Amino acid sequence: GSRHSNDPVACGIDMAGGRSSALVTKGQVKIDLFDARTRLDGTVGEDGTLRASGFWAAPHSFAAITVLKGRIDGDTLSGTASNFRCTTDVSLTRQGRSRKPGPARRP
């Protein structure tokens, strides 16, 4: 899905807009906000509310905790991640489930 940040310099990225993806399984969420080095891990409640956080070195050589608060409604995960300098809005849409090949079924 898409993401948009308020300040690319504060976020340590080249452009304000970009793409992100998340993995949501069994009440857990993992999202690589900008890339694998900026992973947020958290939980999803039964009502769809989610909260995730991550800790990494920011571009200005200080460590930053980023918190994502959001919601899953239907097939859309939306929310805002912030570390008080960098604020990023995300809107992700569920992709088709991958299926492992199984044995052929008999009629």
N, C-alpha and C. Protein backbone atom coordinates (compact mmCIF):
# COMPACT_ATOMS: atom_id res chain seq x y z
N GLY A 1 0.81 -1.18 0.00
CA GLY A 1 0.00 0.00 0.00
C GLY A 1 0.85 1.25 0.00
N SER A 2 0.22 2.36 0.21
CA SER A 2 0.92 3.64 0.13
C SER A 2 1.27 4.19 1.51
N ARG A 3 2.28 5.04 1.51
CA ARG A 3 2.65 5.77 2.72
C ARG A 3 3.04 7.18 2.31
N HIS A 4 2.84 8.12 3.23
CA HIS A 4 3.22 9.50 2.98
C HIS A 4 3.76 10.10 4.27
N SER A 5 4.95 10.67 4.20
CA SER A 5 5.63 11.24 5.37
C SER A 5 5.64 12.75 5.31
N ASN A 6 5.65 13.37 6.48
CA ASN A 6 5.62 14.83 6.56
C ASN A 6 6.96 15.47 6.20
N ASP A 7 8.09 14.81 6.48
CA ASP A 7 9.41 15.42 6.32
C ASP A 7 10.42 14.35 5.93
N PRO A 8 10.71 14.19 4.64
CA PRO A 8 11.65 13.14 4.22
C PRO A 8 13.01 13.23 4.92
N VAL A 9 13.52 14.41 5.15
CA VAL A 9 14.82 14.55 5.81
C VAL A 9 14.76 13.99 7.24
N ALA A 10 13.75 14.37 7.99
CA ALA A 10 13.60 13.87 9.36
C ALA A 10 13.37 12.36 9.39
N CYS A 11 12.75 11.84 8.33
CA CYS A 11 12.46 10.41 8.27
C CYS A 11 13.64 9.60 7.71
N GLY A 12 14.59 10.27 7.08
CA GLY A 12 15.73 9.58 6.49
C GLY A 12 15.39 8.87 5.19
N ILE A 13 14.45 9.44 4.42
CA ILE A 13 14.04 8.85 3.15
C ILE A 13 14.19 9.87 2.03
N ASP A 14 14.16 9.41 0.79
CA ASP A 14 14.37 10.30 -0.36
C ASP A 14 13.13 11.10 -0.74
N MET A 15 11.95 10.46 -0.65
CA MET A 15 10.72 11.12 -1.09
C MET A 15 9.65 10.96 -0.01
N ALA A 16 8.73 11.91 0.05
CA ALA A 16 7.66 11.86 1.06
C ALA A 16 6.74 10.67 0.83
N GLY A 17 6.46 10.33 -0.43
CA GLY A 17 5.56 9.23 -0.74
C GLY A 17 6.32 7.97 -1.04
N GLY A 18 5.66 6.84 -0.82
CA GLY A 18 6.30 5.56 -1.12
C GLY A 18 5.35 4.42 -0.86
N ARG A 19 5.90 3.22 -0.80
CA ARG A 19 5.12 2.00 -0.60
C ARG A 19 5.57 1.31 0.67
N SER A 20 4.63 0.63 1.32
CA SER A 20 4.90 -0.17 2.50
C SER A 20 4.06 -1.43 2.42
N SER A 21 4.41 -2.39 3.26
CA SER A 21 3.59 -3.59 3.36
C SER A 21 3.61 -4.08 4.80
N ALA A 22 2.61 -4.87 5.14
CA ALA A 22 2.48 -5.40 6.49
C ALA A 22 2.10 -6.86 6.41
N LEU A 23 2.43 -7.58 7.47
CA LEU A 23 2.00 -8.96 7.63
C LEU A 23 1.15 -9.00 8.89
N VAL A 24 -0.09 -9.42 8.75
CA VAL A 24 -1.01 -9.51 9.88
C VAL A 24 -1.44 -10.97 10.01
N THR A 25 -1.11 -11.58 11.14
CA THR A 25 -1.50 -12.97 11.40
C THR A 25 -1.73 -13.17 12.88
N LYS A 26 -2.82 -13.85 13.20
CA LYS A 26 -3.12 -14.27 14.57
C LYS A 26 -2.98 -13.15 15.59
N GLY A 27 -3.51 -11.98 15.27
CA GLY A 27 -3.49 -10.87 16.21
C GLY A 27 -2.18 -10.13 16.30
N GLN A 28 -1.24 -10.43 15.42
CA GLN A 28 0.07 -9.77 15.40
C GLN A 28 0.23 -9.01 14.09
N VAL A 29 0.97 -7.90 14.13
CA VAL A 29 1.26 -7.14 12.93
C VAL A 29 2.75 -6.84 12.86
N LYS A 30 3.31 -6.96 11.67
CA LYS A 30 4.69 -6.58 11.38
C LYS A 30 4.64 -5.71 10.14
N ILE A 31 5.25 -4.54 10.22
CA ILE A 31 5.26 -3.64 9.07
C ILE A 31 6.65 -3.04 8.92
N ASP A 32 7.21 -3.14 7.72
CA ASP A 32 8.47 -2.48 7.39
C ASP A 32 8.08 -1.10 6.88
N LEU A 33 8.15 -0.10 7.75
CA LEU A 33 7.64 1.23 7.41
C LEU A 33 8.33 1.80 6.17
N PHE A 34 9.66 1.87 6.19
CA PHE A 34 10.42 2.35 5.04
C PHE A 34 11.21 1.23 4.37
N ASP A 35 11.75 0.33 5.18
CA ASP A 35 12.50 -0.82 4.71
C ASP A 35 12.64 -1.79 5.88
N ALA A 36 13.38 -2.87 5.69
CA ALA A 36 13.50 -3.89 6.74
C ALA A 36 14.17 -3.35 8.01
N ARG A 37 14.96 -2.29 7.90
CA ARG A 37 15.62 -1.72 9.08
C ARG A 37 14.66 -0.91 9.94
N THR A 38 13.48 -0.60 9.41
CA THR A 38 12.51 0.21 10.14
C THR A 38 11.24 -0.61 10.41
N ARG A 39 11.44 -1.78 11.00
CA ARG A 39 10.34 -2.70 11.29
C ARG A 39 9.58 -2.27 12.53
N LEU A 40 8.26 -2.29 12.43
CA LEU A 40 7.37 -2.05 13.56
C LEU A 40 6.65 -3.37 13.85
N ASP A 41 6.61 -3.77 15.12
CA ASP A 41 5.93 -4.98 15.55
C ASP A 41 4.85 -4.62 16.54
N GLY A 42 3.72 -5.29 16.48
CA GLY A 42 2.66 -4.97 17.42
C GLY A 42 1.52 -5.96 17.41
N THR A 43 0.38 -5.49 17.89
CA THR A 43 -0.79 -6.34 18.04
C THR A 43 -2.01 -5.70 17.38
N VAL A 44 -2.97 -6.57 17.05
CA VAL A 44 -4.25 -6.15 16.49
C VAL A 44 -5.34 -6.69 17.40
N GLY A 45 -6.22 -5.80 17.86
CA GLY A 45 -7.32 -6.22 18.72
C GLY A 45 -8.44 -6.84 17.91
N GLU A 46 -9.36 -7.50 18.60
CA GLU A 46 -10.50 -8.13 17.94
C GLU A 46 -11.36 -7.11 17.20
N ASP A 47 -11.35 -5.84 17.66
CA ASP A 47 -12.13 -4.79 17.00
C ASP A 47 -11.39 -4.13 15.85
N GLY A 48 -10.16 -4.59 15.54
CA GLY A 48 -9.40 -4.06 14.42
C GLY A 48 -8.40 -2.97 14.78
N THR A 49 -8.42 -2.49 16.03
CA THR A 49 -7.44 -1.47 16.40
C THR A 49 -6.06 -2.11 16.47
N LEU A 50 -5.06 -1.34 16.07
CA LEU A 50 -3.70 -1.87 16.12
C LEU A 50 -2.74 -0.84 16.69
N ARG A 51 -1.69 -1.37 17.27
CA ARG A 51 -0.61 -0.55 17.81
C ARG A 51 0.67 -1.33 17.60
N ALA A 52 1.66 -0.66 17.04
CA ALA A 52 2.95 -1.29 16.79
C ALA A 52 4.04 -0.27 17.07
N SER A 53 5.24 -0.76 17.35
CA SER A 53 6.35 0.16 17.61
C SER A 53 7.65 -0.47 17.14
N GLY A 54 8.64 0.40 16.96
CA GLY A 54 9.97 -0.03 16.56
C GLY A 54 10.99 0.97 17.04
N PHE A 55 12.22 0.53 17.17
CA PHE A 55 13.32 1.34 17.69
C PHE A 55 14.49 1.20 16.73
N TRP A 56 14.95 2.32 16.14
CA TRP A 56 16.09 2.26 15.22
C TRP A 56 16.83 3.59 15.22
N ALA A 57 18.01 3.59 14.65
CA ALA A 57 18.81 4.81 14.55
C ALA A 57 18.22 5.71 13.48
N ALA A 58 17.86 6.91 13.87
CA ALA A 58 17.30 7.89 12.93
C ALA A 58 18.43 8.53 12.13
N PRO A 59 18.11 9.22 11.05
CA PRO A 59 19.15 9.79 10.19
C PRO A 59 20.01 10.85 10.88
N HIS A 60 19.56 11.38 11.98
CA HIS A 60 20.32 12.42 12.67
C HIS A 60 21.14 11.86 13.82
N SER A 61 21.44 10.56 13.74
CA SER A 61 22.29 9.82 14.68
C SER A 61 21.77 9.79 16.11
N PHE A 62 20.45 9.80 16.27
CA PHE A 62 19.87 9.54 17.58
C PHE A 62 18.91 8.37 17.43
N ALA A 63 18.73 7.63 18.49
CA ALA A 63 17.81 6.50 18.44
C ALA A 63 16.39 7.01 18.61
N ALA A 64 15.47 6.47 17.85
CA ALA A 64 14.09 6.93 17.89
C ALA A 64 13.14 5.76 18.04
N ILE A 65 12.15 5.92 18.88
CA ILE A 65 11.06 4.95 18.99
C ILE A 65 9.91 5.49 18.15
N THR A 66 9.45 4.69 17.22
CA THR A 66 8.33 5.08 16.38
C THR A 66 7.13 4.24 16.77
N VAL A 67 5.99 4.87 16.93
CA VAL A 67 4.75 4.19 17.31
C VAL A 67 3.73 4.36 16.19
N LEU A 68 3.12 3.27 15.79
CA LEU A 68 2.05 3.27 14.81
C LEU A 68 0.74 2.97 15.52
N LYS A 69 -0.23 3.85 15.34
CA LYS A 69 -1.59 3.61 15.84
C LYS A 69 -2.50 3.59 14.64
N GLY A 70 -3.38 2.61 14.58
CA GLY A 70 -4.25 2.52 13.42
C GLY A 70 -5.39 1.56 13.62
N ARG A 71 -5.93 1.14 12.49
CA ARG A 71 -7.12 0.29 12.50
C ARG A 71 -7.16 -0.53 11.22
N ILE A 72 -7.68 -1.72 11.35
CA ILE A 72 -7.98 -2.54 10.19
C ILE A 72 -9.49 -2.57 10.07
N ASP A 73 -9.97 -2.12 8.92
CA ASP A 73 -11.41 -2.08 8.66
C ASP A 73 -11.63 -2.77 7.32
N GLY A 74 -12.23 -3.92 7.34
CA GLY A 74 -12.40 -4.69 6.11
C GLY A 74 -11.04 -5.13 5.61
N ASP A 75 -10.71 -4.74 4.39
CA ASP A 75 -9.44 -5.12 3.78
C ASP A 75 -8.40 -4.00 3.82
N THR A 76 -8.64 -2.95 4.64
CA THR A 76 -7.73 -1.81 4.66
C THR A 76 -7.14 -1.60 6.04
N LEU A 77 -5.81 -1.49 6.08
CA LEU A 77 -5.09 -1.11 7.29
C LEU A 77 -4.69 0.35 7.10
N SER A 78 -5.13 1.21 8.00
CA SER A 78 -4.75 2.62 7.92
C SER A 78 -4.30 3.08 9.29
N GLY A 79 -3.37 4.03 9.30
CA GLY A 79 -2.87 4.54 10.57
C GLY A 79 -1.79 5.57 10.37
N THR A 80 -1.27 6.04 11.51
CA THR A 80 -0.21 7.04 11.52
C THR A 80 0.91 6.57 12.43
N ALA A 81 2.13 6.61 11.90
CA ALA A 81 3.34 6.29 12.67
C ALA A 81 4.08 7.58 12.95
N SER A 82 4.59 7.72 14.17
CA SER A 82 5.29 8.95 14.52
C SER A 82 6.38 8.70 15.55
N ASN A 83 7.48 9.46 15.41
CA ASN A 83 8.51 9.51 16.44
C ASN A 83 8.71 10.97 16.87
N PHE A 84 7.71 11.79 16.64
CA PHE A 84 7.64 13.21 16.97
C PHE A 84 8.41 14.11 16.01
N ARG A 85 9.30 13.57 15.19
CA ARG A 85 9.96 14.35 14.14
C ARG A 85 9.47 13.93 12.77
N CYS A 86 9.27 12.66 12.64
CA CYS A 86 8.82 12.06 11.39
C CYS A 86 7.43 11.47 11.62
N THR A 87 6.47 11.92 10.83
CA THR A 87 5.10 11.39 10.90
C THR A 87 4.75 10.81 9.54
N THR A 88 4.27 9.57 9.54
CA THR A 88 3.98 8.88 8.30
C THR A 88 2.59 8.25 8.36
N ASP A 89 1.76 8.58 7.38
CA ASP A 89 0.44 7.98 7.25
C ASP A 89 0.54 6.79 6.30
N VAL A 90 -0.11 5.68 6.66
CA VAL A 90 -0.12 4.50 5.81
C VAL A 90 -1.56 4.10 5.49
N SER A 91 -1.73 3.56 4.29
CA SER A 91 -3.00 3.00 3.87
C SER A 91 -2.67 1.76 3.04
N LEU A 92 -2.89 0.60 3.63
CA LEU A 92 -2.53 -0.66 3.01
C LEU A 92 -3.78 -1.49 2.73
N THR A 93 -3.82 -2.12 1.59
CA THR A 93 -4.96 -2.94 1.20
C THR A 93 -4.54 -4.40 1.14
N ARG A 94 -5.40 -5.26 1.68
CA ARG A 94 -5.11 -6.69 1.72
C ARG A 94 -4.91 -7.24 0.32
N GLN A 95 -3.87 -8.04 0.18
CA GLN A 95 -3.59 -8.72 -1.07
C GLN A 95 -4.12 -10.14 -0.96
N GLY A 96 -4.27 -10.81 -2.09
CA GLY A 96 -4.75 -12.19 -2.10
C GLY A 96 -3.85 -13.09 -1.26
N ARG A 97 -4.46 -14.04 -0.63
CA ARG A 97 -3.70 -14.99 0.18
C ARG A 97 -2.93 -15.93 -0.73
N SER A 98 -1.70 -16.22 -0.32
CA SER A 98 -0.93 -17.18 -1.10
C SER A 98 -1.30 -18.57 -0.61
N ARG A 99 -1.33 -19.49 -1.51
CA ARG A 99 -1.68 -20.86 -1.16
C ARG A 99 -0.53 -21.77 -1.50
N LYS A 100 -0.23 -22.67 -0.57
CA LYS A 100 0.80 -23.65 -0.84
C LYS A 100 0.19 -24.74 -1.72
N PRO A 101 0.96 -25.22 -2.69
CA PRO A 101 0.42 -26.29 -3.52
C PRO A 101 0.21 -27.52 -2.66
N GLY A 102 -0.90 -28.18 -2.86
CA GLY A 102 -1.19 -29.39 -2.11
C GLY A 102 -1.38 -30.56 -3.06
N PRO A 103 -1.71 -31.70 -2.49
CA PRO A 103 -1.93 -32.85 -3.36
C PRO A 103 -3.18 -32.66 -4.21
N ALA A 104 -3.18 -33.29 -5.36
CA ALA A 104 -4.35 -33.21 -6.25
C ALA A 104 -5.55 -33.85 -5.56
N ARG A 105 -6.71 -33.24 -5.73
CA ARG A 105 -7.94 -33.80 -5.13
C ARG A 105 -8.59 -34.77 -6.12
N ARG A 106 -9.16 -35.79 -5.56
CA ARG A 106 -9.89 -36.76 -6.40
C ARG A 106 -11.36 -36.42 -6.36
N PRO A 107 -12.04 -36.59 -7.49
CA PRO A 107 -13.48 -36.29 -7.52
C PRO A 107 -14.29 -37.26 -6.72
